[in-house]
Amino acid sequence: MSGQTPSQTVGPFFGFALLREGHEVLVSDATAGERIVIEGRVFDGDGAPLNDALIEIWQANAAGRYDHPDDRQEKPLDAAFHGFGRCPTDDSGRFHFRTIRPGPVPGPGNTLQAPHINVTVLARGMLKQLVTRIYFEGEPSNADDPILGLVGEPERRKTLIAKRGNGKNGTYTFDIRLQGPGETVFFDV
């Protein structure tokens, strides 16, 4: 028998690994910076909520430095902030993180990137994770961000901007649409 190996998908469900209570909370009383909450939902290509997705975030601290040995900036590290979080979606496709608003980080060509949070999405039927970013509504430096600037269409760029939450101080809403109308911009990394 010869021929190509048929493609495979993850499933029929996505099983979580390494989930621990509290991974969605990145801050403690000792963490420096402005406290924020990121909340949202994950939707599939038909607009139905995904109740078994896993969202991971990775971000710089309030000063704009990552807790990683390769980040050698002369900005302070925050011993009370490590910048990584993980949250499964609930039955309604909802996720949330309690974190801090990150500072700007270096970008390509000695530019500064606007404050942002890196996001990875894992879900059933996906052989490879999806990678996107969360930028913040009303942030003046969004206009000059070199990565956000790569997204040419203004309507597509809007899919990367978290909206200020419905009157809740420090809350941002960021929905993730895997396909279809309003699909979130994902980066090939």
N, C-alpha and C. Protein backbone atom coordinates (compact mmCIF):
# COMPACT_ATOMS: atom_id res chain seq x y z
N MET A 1 0.85 -1.18 0.00
CA MET A 1 0.00 0.00 0.00
C MET A 1 0.89 1.23 0.00
N SER A 2 0.64 2.13 -0.89
CA SER A 2 1.42 3.35 -0.93
C SER A 2 0.47 4.54 -1.00
N GLY A 3 1.01 5.69 -0.79
CA GLY A 3 0.21 6.90 -0.83
C GLY A 3 0.49 7.76 0.38
N GLN A 4 -0.21 8.83 0.44
CA GLN A 4 0.00 9.77 1.54
C GLN A 4 -0.71 9.27 2.79
N THR A 5 -0.14 9.63 3.92
CA THR A 5 -0.79 9.36 5.19
C THR A 5 -1.94 10.34 5.33
N PRO A 6 -3.14 9.86 5.68
CA PRO A 6 -4.27 10.79 5.82
C PRO A 6 -4.01 11.76 6.97
N SER A 7 -4.59 12.97 6.84
CA SER A 7 -4.42 13.95 7.90
C SER A 7 -5.17 13.50 9.15
N GLN A 8 -4.75 13.98 10.27
CA GLN A 8 -5.36 13.64 11.55
C GLN A 8 -5.77 14.92 12.26
N THR A 9 -6.77 14.81 13.10
CA THR A 9 -7.15 15.95 13.92
C THR A 9 -7.11 15.54 15.38
N VAL A 10 -7.03 16.55 16.22
CA VAL A 10 -7.09 16.31 17.65
C VAL A 10 -8.55 16.13 18.00
N GLY A 11 -8.88 15.09 18.70
CA GLY A 11 -10.28 15.01 19.07
C GLY A 11 -10.75 13.59 19.17
N PRO A 12 -11.98 13.42 19.46
CA PRO A 12 -13.07 14.37 19.28
C PRO A 12 -13.16 15.45 20.33
N PHE A 13 -12.26 15.50 21.26
CA PHE A 13 -12.28 16.54 22.29
C PHE A 13 -10.83 16.93 22.57
N PHE A 14 -10.67 18.04 23.23
CA PHE A 14 -9.35 18.51 23.60
C PHE A 14 -9.17 18.27 25.09
N GLY A 15 -8.19 17.46 25.47
CA GLY A 15 -7.94 17.19 26.88
C GLY A 15 -6.91 18.15 27.44
N PHE A 16 -7.17 18.70 28.60
CA PHE A 16 -6.26 19.66 29.21
C PHE A 16 -5.14 18.96 29.96
N ALA A 17 -4.00 19.56 29.93
CA ALA A 17 -2.86 19.06 30.69
C ALA A 17 -2.32 20.22 31.53
N LEU A 18 -1.80 19.88 32.67
CA LEU A 18 -1.14 20.85 33.54
C LEU A 18 -2.06 21.98 34.01
N LEU A 19 -3.35 21.71 34.13
CA LEU A 19 -4.25 22.74 34.65
C LEU A 19 -4.21 22.71 36.16
N ARG A 20 -4.02 23.87 36.72
CA ARG A 20 -4.04 24.01 38.17
C ARG A 20 -4.91 25.21 38.51
N GLU A 21 -5.57 25.11 39.61
CA GLU A 21 -6.39 26.22 40.07
C GLU A 21 -5.52 27.46 40.25
N GLY A 22 -5.97 28.60 39.75
CA GLY A 22 -5.26 29.85 39.97
C GLY A 22 -4.31 30.27 38.87
N HIS A 23 -4.16 29.49 37.81
CA HIS A 23 -3.26 29.89 36.72
C HIS A 23 -3.77 31.11 35.95
N GLU A 24 -5.04 31.46 36.14
CA GLU A 24 -5.58 32.63 35.47
C GLU A 24 -5.32 33.92 36.25
N VAL A 25 -4.74 33.79 37.44
CA VAL A 25 -4.40 34.95 38.28
C VAL A 25 -2.89 35.11 38.26
N LEU A 26 -2.42 36.19 37.64
CA LEU A 26 -0.98 36.42 37.49
C LEU A 26 -0.43 37.38 38.53
N VAL A 27 -1.30 37.99 39.34
CA VAL A 27 -0.88 39.03 40.28
C VAL A 27 -1.06 38.59 41.73
N SER A 28 -0.30 39.25 42.58
CA SER A 28 -0.47 39.11 44.03
C SER A 28 -0.48 40.53 44.60
N ASP A 29 -0.62 40.65 45.89
CA ASP A 29 -0.59 41.98 46.52
C ASP A 29 0.75 42.67 46.29
N ALA A 30 1.80 41.89 46.09
CA ALA A 30 3.14 42.47 45.93
C ALA A 30 3.48 42.85 44.50
N THR A 31 2.64 42.51 43.53
CA THR A 31 2.92 42.79 42.12
C THR A 31 2.80 44.28 41.84
N ALA A 32 3.80 44.84 41.16
CA ALA A 32 3.76 46.25 40.77
C ALA A 32 2.95 46.42 39.49
N GLY A 33 2.23 47.53 39.39
CA GLY A 33 1.53 47.85 38.15
C GLY A 33 0.03 47.99 38.32
N GLU A 34 -0.57 48.47 37.25
CA GLU A 34 -2.02 48.69 37.20
C GLU A 34 -2.74 47.36 37.00
N ARG A 35 -3.60 47.02 37.95
CA ARG A 35 -4.37 45.77 37.86
C ARG A 35 -5.41 45.88 36.75
N ILE A 36 -5.50 44.82 35.95
CA ILE A 36 -6.53 44.74 34.92
C ILE A 36 -7.10 43.32 34.90
N VAL A 37 -8.27 43.21 34.31
CA VAL A 37 -8.90 41.92 34.06
C VAL A 37 -9.15 41.83 32.56
N ILE A 38 -8.74 40.71 31.98
CA ILE A 38 -9.04 40.42 30.58
C ILE A 38 -10.10 39.33 30.59
N GLU A 39 -11.24 39.60 29.97
CA GLU A 39 -12.29 38.59 29.90
C GLU A 39 -12.79 38.50 28.46
N GLY A 40 -13.20 37.32 28.08
CA GLY A 40 -13.70 37.15 26.73
C GLY A 40 -14.26 35.77 26.51
N ARG A 41 -14.58 35.51 25.24
CA ARG A 41 -15.11 34.21 24.84
C ARG A 41 -14.38 33.75 23.59
N VAL A 42 -14.36 32.45 23.38
CA VAL A 42 -13.79 31.85 22.17
C VAL A 42 -14.94 31.27 21.36
N PHE A 43 -14.97 31.62 20.05
CA PHE A 43 -16.02 31.16 19.15
C PHE A 43 -15.43 30.38 17.99
N ASP A 44 -16.15 29.36 17.52
CA ASP A 44 -15.69 28.59 16.36
C ASP A 44 -16.16 29.29 15.08
N GLY A 45 -15.92 28.64 13.95
CA GLY A 45 -16.26 29.23 12.65
C GLY A 45 -17.74 29.45 12.43
N ASP A 46 -18.60 28.73 13.16
CA ASP A 46 -20.04 28.92 13.04
C ASP A 46 -20.58 29.92 14.04
N GLY A 47 -19.69 30.50 14.85
CA GLY A 47 -20.13 31.46 15.86
C GLY A 47 -20.57 30.83 17.16
N ALA A 48 -20.37 29.52 17.29
CA ALA A 48 -20.73 28.84 18.54
C ALA A 48 -19.57 28.93 19.53
N PRO A 49 -19.87 29.10 20.82
CA PRO A 49 -18.80 29.18 21.81
C PRO A 49 -18.09 27.84 21.96
N LEU A 50 -16.78 27.89 22.16
CA LEU A 50 -15.97 26.69 22.39
C LEU A 50 -15.83 26.47 23.89
N ASN A 51 -16.34 25.35 24.36
CA ASN A 51 -16.31 25.08 25.80
C ASN A 51 -15.10 24.26 26.21
N ASP A 52 -14.19 24.00 25.28
CA ASP A 52 -13.03 23.18 25.63
C ASP A 52 -11.74 23.72 25.01
N ALA A 53 -11.62 25.03 24.93
CA ALA A 53 -10.38 25.65 24.46
C ALA A 53 -9.50 25.97 25.67
N LEU A 54 -8.23 26.15 25.41
CA LEU A 54 -7.29 26.54 26.45
C LEU A 54 -6.58 27.80 25.97
N ILE A 55 -6.62 28.84 26.78
CA ILE A 55 -5.98 30.12 26.45
C ILE A 55 -4.77 30.29 27.35
N GLU A 56 -3.63 30.60 26.75
CA GLU A 56 -2.41 30.91 27.50
C GLU A 56 -1.98 32.32 27.15
N ILE A 57 -1.48 33.04 28.15
CA ILE A 57 -0.94 34.38 27.90
C ILE A 57 0.49 34.47 28.42
N TRP A 58 1.25 35.37 27.79
CA TRP A 58 2.63 35.63 28.16
C TRP A 58 2.84 37.12 27.95
N GLN A 59 3.36 37.80 28.95
CA GLN A 59 3.47 39.26 28.85
C GLN A 59 4.63 39.79 29.66
N ALA A 60 5.00 41.02 29.33
CA ALA A 60 6.02 41.75 30.10
C ALA A 60 5.39 42.30 31.37
N ASN A 61 6.25 42.70 32.30
CA ASN A 61 5.76 43.31 33.53
C ASN A 61 5.40 44.78 33.27
N ALA A 62 5.03 45.50 34.31
CA ALA A 62 4.59 46.88 34.17
C ALA A 62 5.70 47.80 33.64
N ALA A 63 6.96 47.41 33.85
CA ALA A 63 8.09 48.20 33.36
C ALA A 63 8.43 47.87 31.91
N GLY A 64 7.85 46.79 31.37
CA GLY A 64 8.14 46.40 30.00
C GLY A 64 9.26 45.38 29.88
N ARG A 65 9.44 44.56 30.90
CA ARG A 65 10.49 43.53 30.86
C ARG A 65 9.85 42.16 31.10
N TYR A 66 10.28 41.19 30.30
CA TYR A 66 9.81 39.81 30.45
C TYR A 66 10.64 39.10 31.52
N ASP A 67 10.00 38.20 32.24
CA ASP A 67 10.69 37.37 33.20
C ASP A 67 11.28 36.18 32.44
N HIS A 68 12.33 36.46 31.70
CA HIS A 68 12.98 35.45 30.86
C HIS A 68 14.46 35.80 30.76
N PRO A 69 15.35 34.80 30.80
CA PRO A 69 16.78 35.08 30.77
C PRO A 69 17.26 35.83 29.52
N ASP A 70 16.53 35.70 28.40
CA ASP A 70 16.94 36.40 27.18
C ASP A 70 16.58 37.89 27.20
N ASP A 71 15.73 38.31 28.13
CA ASP A 71 15.40 39.74 28.23
C ASP A 71 16.41 40.38 29.18
N ARG A 72 17.37 41.06 28.59
CA ARG A 72 18.46 41.66 29.36
C ARG A 72 18.36 43.19 29.43
N GLN A 73 17.16 43.70 29.24
CA GLN A 73 16.97 45.14 29.33
C GLN A 73 17.33 45.63 30.72
N GLU A 74 17.71 46.88 30.78
CA GLU A 74 18.02 47.48 32.08
C GLU A 74 16.78 48.06 32.73
N LYS A 75 15.70 47.29 32.67
CA LYS A 75 14.45 47.64 33.33
C LYS A 75 14.32 46.69 34.52
N PRO A 76 13.58 47.10 35.55
CA PRO A 76 13.48 46.23 36.73
C PRO A 76 12.66 44.97 36.48
N LEU A 77 13.09 43.89 37.08
CA LEU A 77 12.28 42.68 37.15
C LEU A 77 11.37 42.80 38.35
N ASP A 78 10.23 42.17 38.30
CA ASP A 78 9.31 42.15 39.43
C ASP A 78 9.25 40.72 39.94
N ALA A 79 9.83 40.47 41.09
CA ALA A 79 9.86 39.11 41.65
C ALA A 79 8.46 38.56 41.91
N ALA A 80 7.45 39.42 41.98
CA ALA A 80 6.09 39.00 42.25
C ALA A 80 5.26 38.86 40.97
N PHE A 81 5.93 38.86 39.81
CA PHE A 81 5.20 38.75 38.54
C PHE A 81 6.03 37.96 37.54
N HIS A 82 5.45 36.88 37.02
CA HIS A 82 6.17 36.04 36.07
C HIS A 82 5.61 36.12 34.66
N GLY A 83 4.43 36.67 34.46
CA GLY A 83 3.90 36.97 33.13
C GLY A 83 3.27 35.84 32.37
N PHE A 84 3.08 34.66 32.97
CA PHE A 84 2.46 33.54 32.26
C PHE A 84 1.18 33.13 32.96
N GLY A 85 0.12 32.90 32.16
CA GLY A 85 -1.14 32.43 32.70
C GLY A 85 -1.80 31.46 31.74
N ARG A 86 -2.72 30.68 32.29
CA ARG A 86 -3.42 29.66 31.51
C ARG A 86 -4.84 29.55 32.05
N CYS A 87 -5.82 29.52 31.13
CA CYS A 87 -7.22 29.43 31.55
C CYS A 87 -8.02 28.63 30.53
N PRO A 88 -8.72 27.58 30.99
CA PRO A 88 -9.63 26.87 30.09
C PRO A 88 -10.92 27.67 29.92
N THR A 89 -11.59 27.48 28.80
CA THR A 89 -12.90 28.11 28.63
C THR A 89 -13.95 27.30 29.39
N ASP A 90 -15.00 27.99 29.82
CA ASP A 90 -16.08 27.31 30.53
C ASP A 90 -17.14 26.83 29.53
N ASP A 91 -18.29 26.41 30.02
CA ASP A 91 -19.34 25.89 29.15
C ASP A 91 -19.87 26.91 28.15
N SER A 92 -19.68 28.20 28.43
CA SER A 92 -20.12 29.26 27.53
C SER A 92 -18.98 29.82 26.69
N GLY A 93 -17.82 29.15 26.73
CA GLY A 93 -16.66 29.61 25.96
C GLY A 93 -15.93 30.77 26.61
N ARG A 94 -16.22 31.07 27.87
CA ARG A 94 -15.62 32.23 28.56
C ARG A 94 -14.27 31.88 29.18
N PHE A 95 -13.41 32.91 29.21
CA PHE A 95 -12.13 32.82 29.92
C PHE A 95 -11.89 34.18 30.58
N HIS A 96 -10.99 34.22 31.56
CA HIS A 96 -10.63 35.50 32.18
C HIS A 96 -9.26 35.38 32.82
N PHE A 97 -8.56 36.51 32.88
CA PHE A 97 -7.26 36.60 33.53
C PHE A 97 -7.23 37.84 34.40
N ARG A 98 -6.64 37.72 35.58
CA ARG A 98 -6.34 38.88 36.43
C ARG A 98 -4.84 39.10 36.33
N THR A 99 -4.45 40.26 35.82
CA THR A 99 -3.05 40.53 35.55
C THR A 99 -2.77 42.02 35.72
N ILE A 100 -1.68 42.49 35.15
CA ILE A 100 -1.35 43.92 35.16
C ILE A 100 -1.23 44.38 33.71
N ARG A 101 -1.38 45.66 33.54
CA ARG A 101 -1.18 46.24 32.21
C ARG A 101 0.33 46.24 31.95
N PRO A 102 0.77 45.60 30.85
CA PRO A 102 2.20 45.53 30.58
C PRO A 102 2.77 46.85 30.09
N GLY A 103 4.06 47.03 30.27
CA GLY A 103 4.75 48.19 29.73
C GLY A 103 5.18 47.92 28.30
N PRO A 104 5.65 48.96 27.59
CA PRO A 104 6.13 48.77 26.22
C PRO A 104 7.44 47.98 26.20
N VAL A 105 7.61 47.18 25.16
CA VAL A 105 8.81 46.36 25.01
C VAL A 105 9.49 46.70 23.69
N PRO A 106 10.81 46.40 23.57
CA PRO A 106 11.51 46.67 22.31
C PRO A 106 10.90 45.89 21.16
N GLY A 107 10.96 46.51 19.98
CA GLY A 107 10.45 45.87 18.77
C GLY A 107 11.51 45.85 17.70
N PRO A 108 11.13 45.42 16.51
CA PRO A 108 12.09 45.35 15.41
C PRO A 108 12.64 46.73 15.05
N GLY A 109 13.91 46.77 14.68
CA GLY A 109 14.53 48.02 14.23
C GLY A 109 14.62 49.09 15.29
N ASN A 110 14.86 48.70 16.54
CA ASN A 110 14.99 49.65 17.65
C ASN A 110 13.74 50.50 17.86
N THR A 111 12.59 49.92 17.58
CA THR A 111 11.32 50.60 17.84
C THR A 111 10.77 50.10 19.17
N LEU A 112 9.75 50.77 19.66
CA LEU A 112 9.04 50.28 20.84
C LEU A 112 7.69 49.72 20.40
N GLN A 113 7.31 48.60 20.99
CA GLN A 113 6.00 48.04 20.73
C GLN A 113 5.03 48.57 21.78
N ALA A 114 3.80 48.77 21.36
CA ALA A 114 2.76 49.20 22.30
C ALA A 114 2.55 48.11 23.34
N PRO A 115 2.08 48.47 24.53
CA PRO A 115 1.76 47.44 25.53
C PRO A 115 0.82 46.40 24.92
N HIS A 116 1.16 45.15 25.10
CA HIS A 116 0.35 44.06 24.55
C HIS A 116 0.57 42.79 25.36
N ILE A 117 -0.32 41.84 25.15
CA ILE A 117 -0.23 40.52 25.77
C ILE A 117 -0.24 39.50 24.65
N ASN A 118 0.71 38.57 24.68
CA ASN A 118 0.77 37.50 23.70
C ASN A 118 -0.20 36.40 24.12
N VAL A 119 -0.92 35.85 23.15
CA VAL A 119 -1.97 34.87 23.41
C VAL A 119 -1.75 33.63 22.55
N THR A 120 -1.91 32.46 23.16
CA THR A 120 -1.90 31.19 22.45
C THR A 120 -3.24 30.51 22.69
N VAL A 121 -3.82 29.98 21.61
CA VAL A 121 -5.10 29.29 21.70
C VAL A 121 -4.89 27.83 21.28
N LEU A 122 -5.33 26.91 22.14
CA LEU A 122 -5.30 25.47 21.84
C LEU A 122 -6.75 24.98 21.93
N ALA A 123 -7.15 24.13 20.97
CA ALA A 123 -8.53 23.64 20.99
C ALA A 123 -8.65 22.38 20.16
N ARG A 124 -9.79 21.73 20.31
CA ARG A 124 -10.05 20.50 19.55
C ARG A 124 -10.00 20.78 18.05
N GLY A 125 -9.52 19.79 17.32
CA GLY A 125 -9.48 19.91 15.88
C GLY A 125 -8.31 20.71 15.35
N MET A 126 -7.48 21.24 16.23
CA MET A 126 -6.33 22.04 15.79
C MET A 126 -5.05 21.26 16.05
N LEU A 127 -4.28 21.04 15.00
CA LEU A 127 -3.01 20.35 15.16
C LEU A 127 -1.92 21.28 15.63
N LYS A 128 -2.11 22.56 15.44
CA LYS A 128 -1.12 23.56 15.82
C LYS A 128 -1.83 24.69 16.57
N GLN A 129 -1.18 25.20 17.59
CA GLN A 129 -1.78 26.30 18.34
C GLN A 129 -1.87 27.56 17.47
N LEU A 130 -2.79 28.43 17.83
CA LEU A 130 -2.92 29.73 17.18
C LEU A 130 -2.31 30.78 18.09
N VAL A 131 -1.66 31.77 17.48
CA VAL A 131 -0.99 32.82 18.24
C VAL A 131 -1.53 34.17 17.80
N THR A 132 -1.90 34.99 18.78
CA THR A 132 -2.39 36.33 18.50
C THR A 132 -1.89 37.26 19.60
N ARG A 133 -2.38 38.47 19.61
CA ARG A 133 -2.01 39.46 20.61
C ARG A 133 -3.22 40.23 21.07
N ILE A 134 -3.12 40.74 22.29
CA ILE A 134 -4.12 41.66 22.82
C ILE A 134 -3.46 43.03 22.97
N TYR A 135 -4.01 44.02 22.28
CA TYR A 135 -3.63 45.42 22.47
C TYR A 135 -4.78 46.09 23.20
N PHE A 136 -4.58 47.31 23.69
CA PHE A 136 -5.56 47.95 24.55
C PHE A 136 -6.20 49.16 23.88
N GLU A 137 -7.52 49.19 23.92
CA GLU A 137 -8.29 50.31 23.38
C GLU A 137 -7.83 51.61 24.05
N GLY A 138 -7.66 52.64 23.24
CA GLY A 138 -7.29 53.95 23.76
C GLY A 138 -5.80 54.14 24.00
N GLU A 139 -4.98 53.14 23.72
CA GLU A 139 -3.52 53.25 23.92
C GLU A 139 -2.92 54.05 22.75
N PRO A 140 -2.37 55.25 23.01
CA PRO A 140 -1.83 56.09 21.94
C PRO A 140 -0.72 55.41 21.12
N SER A 141 0.10 54.57 21.75
CA SER A 141 1.22 53.97 21.02
C SER A 141 0.79 52.83 20.08
N ASN A 142 -0.49 52.46 20.08
CA ASN A 142 -0.97 51.48 19.11
C ASN A 142 -0.72 51.96 17.68
N ALA A 143 -0.86 53.25 17.46
CA ALA A 143 -0.72 53.81 16.11
C ALA A 143 0.67 53.58 15.53
N ASP A 144 1.69 53.47 16.38
CA ASP A 144 3.07 53.30 15.91
C ASP A 144 3.63 51.90 16.15
N ASP A 145 2.81 50.98 16.62
CA ASP A 145 3.32 49.64 16.92
C ASP A 145 3.70 48.94 15.61
N PRO A 146 4.96 48.45 15.51
CA PRO A 146 5.41 47.85 14.26
C PRO A 146 4.70 46.54 13.91
N ILE A 147 4.25 45.78 14.88
CA ILE A 147 3.57 44.51 14.60
C ILE A 147 2.10 44.76 14.25
N LEU A 148 1.45 45.61 15.01
CA LEU A 148 0.06 45.96 14.71
C LEU A 148 -0.03 46.62 13.34
N GLY A 149 1.01 47.37 12.97
CA GLY A 149 1.06 48.02 11.66
C GLY A 149 1.15 47.05 10.50
N LEU A 150 1.55 45.81 10.75
CA LEU A 150 1.62 44.80 9.69
C LEU A 150 0.23 44.36 9.23
N VAL A 151 -0.78 44.61 10.07
CA VAL A 151 -2.16 44.25 9.73
C VAL A 151 -2.75 45.44 8.99
N GLY A 152 -2.78 45.34 7.66
CA GLY A 152 -3.14 46.48 6.83
C GLY A 152 -4.58 46.94 6.92
N GLU A 153 -5.52 46.02 7.02
CA GLU A 153 -6.93 46.39 6.99
C GLU A 153 -7.40 46.83 8.38
N PRO A 154 -7.94 48.05 8.48
CA PRO A 154 -8.39 48.55 9.80
C PRO A 154 -9.40 47.63 10.48
N GLU A 155 -10.30 47.02 9.72
CA GLU A 155 -11.29 46.11 10.33
C GLU A 155 -10.62 44.88 10.93
N ARG A 156 -9.59 44.38 10.28
CA ARG A 156 -8.86 43.22 10.80
C ARG A 156 -8.05 43.63 12.03
N ARG A 157 -7.45 44.82 11.99
CA ARG A 157 -6.65 45.31 13.11
C ARG A 157 -7.50 45.41 14.37
N LYS A 158 -8.77 45.76 14.23
CA LYS A 158 -9.68 45.88 15.38
C LYS A 158 -9.84 44.57 16.14
N THR A 159 -9.60 43.44 15.46
CA THR A 159 -9.75 42.14 16.14
C THR A 159 -8.66 41.91 17.18
N LEU A 160 -7.64 42.76 17.20
CA LEU A 160 -6.53 42.64 18.15
C LEU A 160 -6.65 43.63 19.32
N ILE A 161 -7.69 44.45 19.31
CA ILE A 161 -7.84 45.49 20.32
C ILE A 161 -8.88 45.08 21.36
N ALA A 162 -8.45 44.97 22.62
CA ALA A 162 -9.38 44.68 23.72
C ALA A 162 -10.16 45.96 24.05
N LYS A 163 -11.46 45.81 24.19
CA LYS A 163 -12.34 46.94 24.50
C LYS A 163 -12.46 47.11 26.01
N ARG A 164 -12.54 48.37 26.42
CA ARG A 164 -12.77 48.63 27.85
C ARG A 164 -14.10 48.00 28.25
N GLY A 165 -14.09 47.31 29.39
CA GLY A 165 -15.27 46.56 29.84
C GLY A 165 -16.43 47.45 30.22
N ASN A 166 -17.60 46.93 30.05
CA ASN A 166 -18.88 47.60 30.29
C ASN A 166 -18.94 48.35 31.62
N GLY A 167 -18.25 49.47 31.73
CA GLY A 167 -18.30 50.27 32.94
C GLY A 167 -17.50 49.72 34.11
N LYS A 168 -16.86 48.57 33.93
CA LYS A 168 -16.05 47.99 35.00
C LYS A 168 -14.64 48.55 34.90
N ASN A 169 -14.18 49.18 35.94
CA ASN A 169 -12.83 49.76 35.95
C ASN A 169 -11.78 48.68 35.78
N GLY A 170 -10.84 48.92 34.88
CA GLY A 170 -9.73 48.00 34.72
C GLY A 170 -10.07 46.69 34.03
N THR A 171 -11.27 46.59 33.44
CA THR A 171 -11.67 45.36 32.76
C THR A 171 -11.67 45.60 31.26
N TYR A 172 -11.09 44.65 30.54
CA TYR A 172 -11.07 44.68 29.08
C TYR A 172 -11.72 43.41 28.55
N THR A 173 -12.45 43.55 27.45
CA THR A 173 -13.09 42.42 26.79
C THR A 173 -12.36 42.12 25.50
N PHE A 174 -12.00 40.83 25.33
CA PHE A 174 -11.29 40.39 24.13
C PHE A 174 -11.84 39.03 23.71
N ASP A 175 -12.70 39.03 22.68
CA ASP A 175 -13.24 37.79 22.15
C ASP A 175 -12.32 37.26 21.06
N ILE A 176 -12.25 35.95 20.95
CA ILE A 176 -11.41 35.28 19.95
C ILE A 176 -12.33 34.49 19.03
N ARG A 177 -12.27 34.82 17.74
CA ARG A 177 -13.06 34.12 16.73
C ARG A 177 -12.08 33.34 15.86
N LEU A 178 -12.23 32.01 15.86
CA LEU A 178 -11.27 31.15 15.17
C LEU A 178 -11.39 31.18 13.66
N GLN A 179 -12.58 31.44 13.14
CA GLN A 179 -12.83 31.50 11.70
C GLN A 179 -14.05 32.35 11.44
N GLY A 180 -14.27 32.64 10.16
CA GLY A 180 -15.50 33.28 9.74
C GLY A 180 -15.50 34.79 9.90
N PRO A 181 -16.69 35.40 9.84
CA PRO A 181 -16.79 36.87 9.95
C PRO A 181 -16.18 37.36 11.26
N GLY A 182 -15.35 38.39 11.16
CA GLY A 182 -14.71 38.94 12.35
C GLY A 182 -13.59 38.07 12.91
N GLU A 183 -13.07 37.13 12.08
CA GLU A 183 -12.00 36.23 12.55
C GLU A 183 -10.85 37.03 13.13
N THR A 184 -10.38 36.60 14.27
CA THR A 184 -9.24 37.23 14.93
C THR A 184 -7.99 37.07 14.06
N VAL A 185 -7.15 38.07 14.04
CA VAL A 185 -5.88 37.97 13.32
C VAL A 185 -4.97 37.05 14.12
N PHE A 186 -4.40 36.05 13.43
CA PHE A 186 -3.43 35.13 14.03
C PHE A 186 -2.12 35.30 13.30
N PHE A 187 -1.02 35.13 14.03
CA PHE A 187 0.31 35.31 13.48
C PHE A 187 0.99 33.97 13.23
N ASP A 188 1.72 33.89 12.15
CA ASP A 188 2.47 32.69 11.79
C ASP A 188 3.84 32.79 12.46
N VAL A 189 3.98 32.13 13.59
CA VAL A 189 5.26 32.19 14.33
C VAL A 189 5.94 30.84 14.38
